[in-house]
C-alpha atoms as a PDB file:
ATOM      1  CA  MET A   1      86.289  91.871  99.689  1.00  0.00           C
ATOM      2  CA  ARG A   2      87.537  91.990  95.380  1.00  0.00           C
ATOM      3  CA  TYR A   3      88.582  95.527  94.053  1.00  0.00           C
ATOM      4  CA  THR A   4      88.861  96.810  90.858  1.00  0.00           C
ATOM      5  CA  LEU A   5      92.054  98.456  90.410  1.00  0.00           C
ATOM      6  CA  SER A   6      92.079  99.343  86.918  1.00  0.00           C
ATOM      7  CA  PRO A   7      89.473  98.103  84.297  1.00  0.00           C
ATOM      8  CA  GLU A   8      92.032  95.803  83.522  1.00  0.00           C
ATOM      9  CA  TRP A   9      93.028  93.878  87.151  1.00  0.00           C
ATOM     10  CA  ASP A  10      91.110  93.160  90.310  1.00  0.00           C
ATOM     11  CA  ILE A  11      92.563  91.805  93.805  1.00  0.00           C
ATOM     12  CA  GLN A  12      91.026  89.769  96.429  1.00  0.00           C
ATOM     13  CA  VAL A  13      91.828  91.854  99.606  1.00  0.00           C
ATOM     14  CA  PRO A  14      90.433  90.581 103.346  1.00  0.00           C
ATOM     15  CA  GLU A  15      87.791  93.189 104.669  1.00  0.00           C
ATOM     16  CA  VAL A  16      90.069  94.082 107.799  1.00  0.00           C
ATOM     17  CA  PHE A  17      92.304  95.900 105.450  1.00  0.00           C
ATOM     18  CA  GLN A  18      91.618  99.611 104.724  1.00  0.00           C
ATOM     19  CA  HIS A  19      92.250 101.635 101.925  1.00  0.00           C
ATOM     20  CA  ARG A  20      92.695 104.040  99.861  1.00  0.00           C
ATOM     21  CA  VAL A  21      93.964 105.920  96.881  1.00  0.00           C
ATOM     22  CA  ASP A  22      96.920 107.906  96.568  1.00  0.00           C
ATOM     23  CA  GLY A  23      97.969 109.075  92.890  1.00  0.00           C
ATOM     24  CA  GLU A  24      97.971 106.445  90.692  1.00  0.00           C
ATOM     25  CA  HIS A  25      98.510 104.029  93.812  1.00  0.00           C
ATOM     26  CA  VAL A  26      95.743 101.849  96.012  1.00  0.00           C
ATOM     27  CA  ILE A  27      97.157 101.113  99.459  1.00  0.00           C
ATOM     28  CA  PHE A  28      95.710  98.829 101.605  1.00  0.00           C
ATOM     29  CA  TRP A  29      96.531  98.425 105.307  1.00  0.00           C
ATOM     30  CA  THR A  30      96.139  96.614 108.527  1.00  0.00           C
ATOM     31  CA  SER A  31      97.926  96.317 112.128  1.00  0.00           C
ATOM     32  CA  GLY A  32     101.326  95.134 110.881  1.00  0.00           C
ATOM     33  CA  ILE A  33     100.869  94.317 107.169  1.00  0.00           C
ATOM     34  CA  THR A  34     100.846  97.348 104.062  1.00  0.00           C
ATOM     35  CA  LEU A  35      99.945  96.842 100.671  1.00  0.00           C
ATOM     36  CA  LEU A  36     100.910  99.261  97.550  1.00  0.00           C
ATOM     37  CA  CYS A  37      99.315  98.256  94.364  1.00  0.00           C
ATOM     38  CA  THR A  38     100.449  99.815  90.603  1.00  0.00           C
ATOM     39  CA  VAL A  39      99.499  98.883  87.347  1.00  0.00           C
ATOM     40  CA  PHE A  40     101.183  99.888  84.584  1.00  0.00           C
ATOM     41  CA  SER A  41     101.576  98.950  81.135  1.00  0.00           C
ATOM     42  CA  TYR A  42     103.711  98.189  78.326  1.00  0.00           C
ATOM     43  CA  SER A  43     104.621  98.003  74.342  1.00  0.00           C
ATOM     44  CA  GLY A  44     104.111  93.812  74.371  1.00  0.00           C
ATOM     45  CA  GLU A  45     105.881  90.869  74.967  1.00  0.00           C
ATOM     46  CA  LYS A  46     109.005  92.650  74.565  1.00  0.00           C
ATOM     47  CA  GLY A  47     108.425  95.098  77.717  1.00  0.00           C
ATOM     48  CA  ARG A  48     107.396  92.128  79.802  1.00  0.00           C
ATOM     49  CA  GLU A  49     110.810  90.320  78.795  1.00  0.00           C
ATOM     50  CA  THR A  50     112.830  93.444  79.640  1.00  0.00           C
ATOM     51  CA  LEU A  51     110.824  94.094  82.946  1.00  0.00           C
ATOM     52  CA  LEU A  52     111.232  90.302  84.287  1.00  0.00           C
ATOM     53  CA  ALA A  53     115.112  90.371  83.086  1.00  0.00           C
ATOM     54  CA  ASN A  54     115.634  93.539  85.120  1.00  0.00           C
ATOM     55  CA  LEU A  55     113.821  92.031  88.065  1.00  0.00           C
ATOM     56  CA  ARG A  56     115.141  88.709  88.069  1.00  0.00           C
ATOM     57  CA  ALA A  57     118.794  90.280  87.736  1.00  0.00           C
ATOM     58  CA  ARG A  58     117.881  92.748  90.599  1.00  0.00           C
ATOM     59  CA  ALA A  59     116.772  90.006  93.055  1.00  0.00           C
ATOM     60  CA  GLU A  60     119.897  87.244  91.984  1.00  0.00           C
ATOM     61  CA  ILE A  61     122.922  90.546  92.458  1.00  0.00           C
ATOM     62  CA  LYS A  62     121.635  90.619  95.824  1.00  0.00           C
ATOM     63  CA  GLU A  63     120.719  87.094  96.527  1.00  0.00           C
ATOM     64  CA  LEU A  64     117.072  87.142  97.198  1.00  0.00           C
ATOM     65  CA  GLN A  65     114.621  84.519  97.418  1.00  0.00           C
ATOM     66  CA  ILE A  66     112.334  84.232  93.550  1.00  0.00           C
ATOM     67  CA  ILE A  67     109.066  83.175  93.554  1.00  0.00           C
ATOM     68  CA  GLU A  68     108.117  82.322  89.817  1.00  0.00           C
ATOM     69  CA  GLU A  69     104.604  81.117  88.045  1.00  0.00           C
ATOM     70  CA  ILE A  70     103.035  80.625  84.805  1.00  0.00           C
ATOM     71  CA  GLU A  71      99.485  80.399  84.615  1.00  0.00           C
ATOM     72  CA  GLY A  72      98.400  80.837  81.112  1.00  0.00           C
ATOM     73  CA  GLU A  73      99.714  84.254  79.707  1.00  0.00           C
ATOM     74  CA  ILE A  74     100.419  85.341  83.333  1.00  0.00           C
ATOM     75  CA  ILE A  75     103.861  85.522  84.634  1.00  0.00           C
ATOM     76  CA  ARG A  76     104.053  86.185  88.384  1.00  0.00           C
ATOM     77  CA  PHE A  77     107.276  87.228  89.773  1.00  0.00           C
ATOM     78  CA  GLY A  78     108.094  88.151  93.061  1.00  0.00           C
ATOM     79  CA  TYR A  79     111.093  88.364  95.428  1.00  0.00           C
ATOM     80  CA  LEU A  80     111.781  88.733  98.789  1.00  0.00           C
ATOM     81  CA  GLN A  81     113.386  91.510 100.517  1.00  0.00           C
ATOM     82  CA  PRO A  82     114.375  91.760 104.200  1.00  0.00           C
ATOM     83  CA  GLU A  83     114.557  95.604 105.254  1.00  0.00           C
ATOM     84  CA  GLU A  84     116.001  97.409 108.178  1.00  0.00           C
ATOM     85  CA  LEU A  85     113.725 100.464 108.775  1.00  0.00           C
ATOM     86  CA  HIS A  86     115.465 101.724 111.870  1.00  0.00           C
ATOM     87  CA  PRO A  87     117.856 100.213 114.213  1.00  0.00           C
ATOM     88  CA  GLY A  88     115.877  97.482 115.835  1.00  0.00           C
ATOM     89  CA  HIS A  89     113.321  97.366 113.609  1.00  0.00           C
ATOM     90  CA  HIS A  90     112.659  95.053 110.695  1.00  0.00           C
ATOM     91  CA  ARG A  91     110.039  93.942 108.058  1.00  0.00           C
ATOM     92  CA  LEU A  92     109.844  91.428 105.323  1.00  0.00           C
ATOM     93  CA  ALA A  93     109.229  93.196 101.811  1.00  0.00           C
ATOM     94  CA  LEU A  94     107.722  90.745  99.263  1.00  0.00           C
ATOM     95  CA  HIS A  95     107.499  92.445  95.898  1.00  0.00           C
ATOM     96  CA  ALA A  96     105.417  90.545  93.757  1.00  0.00           C
ATOM     97  CA  PHE A  97     104.497  91.503  89.968  1.00  0.00           C
ATOM     98  CA  THR A  98     101.999  89.625  87.784  1.00  0.00           C
ATOM     99  CA  THR A  99     102.227  90.297  83.978  1.00  0.00           C
ATOM    100  CA  ALA A 100     100.023  89.917  81.571  1.00  0.00           C
ATOM    101  CA  PRO A 101     101.326  90.474  77.599  1.00  0.00           C
ATOM    102  CA  PHE A 102     100.477  94.282  77.735  1.00  0.00           C
ATOM    103  CA  GLY A 103     100.809  95.076  81.770  1.00  0.00           C
ATOM    104  CA  CYS A 104     101.791  94.571  84.798  1.00  0.00           C
ATOM    105  CA  LEU A 105     100.530  95.112  88.856  1.00  0.00           C
ATOM    106  CA  GLN A 106     103.041  95.345  90.923  1.00  0.00           C
ATOM    107  CA  THR A 107     102.105  94.740  94.659  1.00  0.00           C
ATOM    108  CA  SER A 108     104.094  94.976  97.496  1.00  0.00           C
ATOM    109  CA  PHE A 109     104.081  93.444 100.527  1.00  0.00           C
ATOM    110  CA  TYR A 110     105.666  95.773 103.728  1.00  0.00           C
ATOM    111  CA  LEU A 111     105.234  92.470 106.478  1.00  0.00           C
ATOM    112  CA  ASP A 112     106.093  93.545 110.268  1.00  0.00           C
ATOM    113  CA  ASP A 113     105.767  90.005 110.700  1.00  0.00           C
ATOM    114  CA  ALA A 114     107.232  87.471 108.627  1.00  0.00           C
ATOM    115  CA  ALA A 115     104.546  84.825 109.949  1.00  0.00           C
ATOM    116  CA  PHE A 116     102.009  86.884 107.735  1.00  0.00           C
ATOM    117  CA  LEU A 117     103.930  85.958 104.555  1.00  0.00           C
ATOM    118  CA  GLN A 118     101.152  83.024 103.435  1.00  0.00           C
ATOM    119  CA  ASP A 119      98.766  85.074 103.300  1.00  0.00           C
ATOM    120  CA  GLN A 120      99.759  87.765 101.317  1.00  0.00           C
ATOM    121  CA  LEU A 121     101.013  85.264  99.281  1.00  0.00           C
ATOM    122  CA  LYS A 122      97.245  83.789  99.076  1.00  0.00           C
ATOM    123  CA  ILE A 123      96.080  87.529  97.974  1.00  0.00           C
ATOM    124  CA  TRP A 124      98.657  87.876  95.348  1.00  0.00           C
ATOM    125  CA  ALA A 125      97.168  84.709  94.174  1.00  0.00           C
ATOM    126  CA  SER A 126      94.104  86.199  94.210  1.00  0.00           C
ATOM    127  CA  VAL A 127      95.220  88.614  91.599  1.00  0.00           C
ATOM    128  CA  ARG A 128      92.895  88.581  88.418  1.00  0.00           C
ATOM    129  CA  HIS A 129      93.781  89.979  85.135  1.00  0.00           C
ATOM    130  CA  ASN A 130      90.736  90.816  82.672  1.00  0.00           C
ATOM    131  CA  PRO A 131      92.101  92.026  79.024  1.00  0.00           C
ATOM    132  CA  GLN A 132      90.069  94.747  77.674  1.00  0.00           C
ATOM    133  CA  ASP A 133      90.717  95.989  74.129  1.00  0.00           C
ATOM    134  CA  GLU A 134      94.167  95.347  74.127  1.00  0.00           C
ATOM    135  CA  PRO A 135      96.935  95.582  70.638  1.00  0.00           C
ATOM    136  CA  LYS A 136      97.196  92.657  68.748  1.00  0.00           C
END
C-alpha cells in the first residue's frame, strides 16, 4: 500500500505492516521488522551536501557498508549497521536517506534477521518525492 508521509514524500509498504504516527515520525512494523520514517527539510543544495558529507563521514569512521544511488535530482544514501541490543540479541539497521534539493526522507529499517534486507531495499527504492512549491 502506498502511504503519504507528507505532501512531498510517499512510500510503498506491504500491507502486512501495521503503522502509527508518533510525533513527527511514522512507524511501520511487522514481525521482525520495524521501519521509522522521518521527513525533514533544509535550505537548498548546500544543506543537502552538508547532510550527505556528515552521513558519509559517520559511516566511513565506523567502516560501515554504504549504499548510494543517484536518480535525477534524488540522491539515495544509506548504510548498514549491525547493532547489539543486549548480549546475544543482534539486529541489522539500514539507515536510508532519500534526499531532494530541499528535503529528505529518512527511513531507518531495523531487522531481526538480515535475510529480510532485500525486501527492505525494495521498500526504500519505492520512496517517491513529489515536489511542491519549493524555493528556487
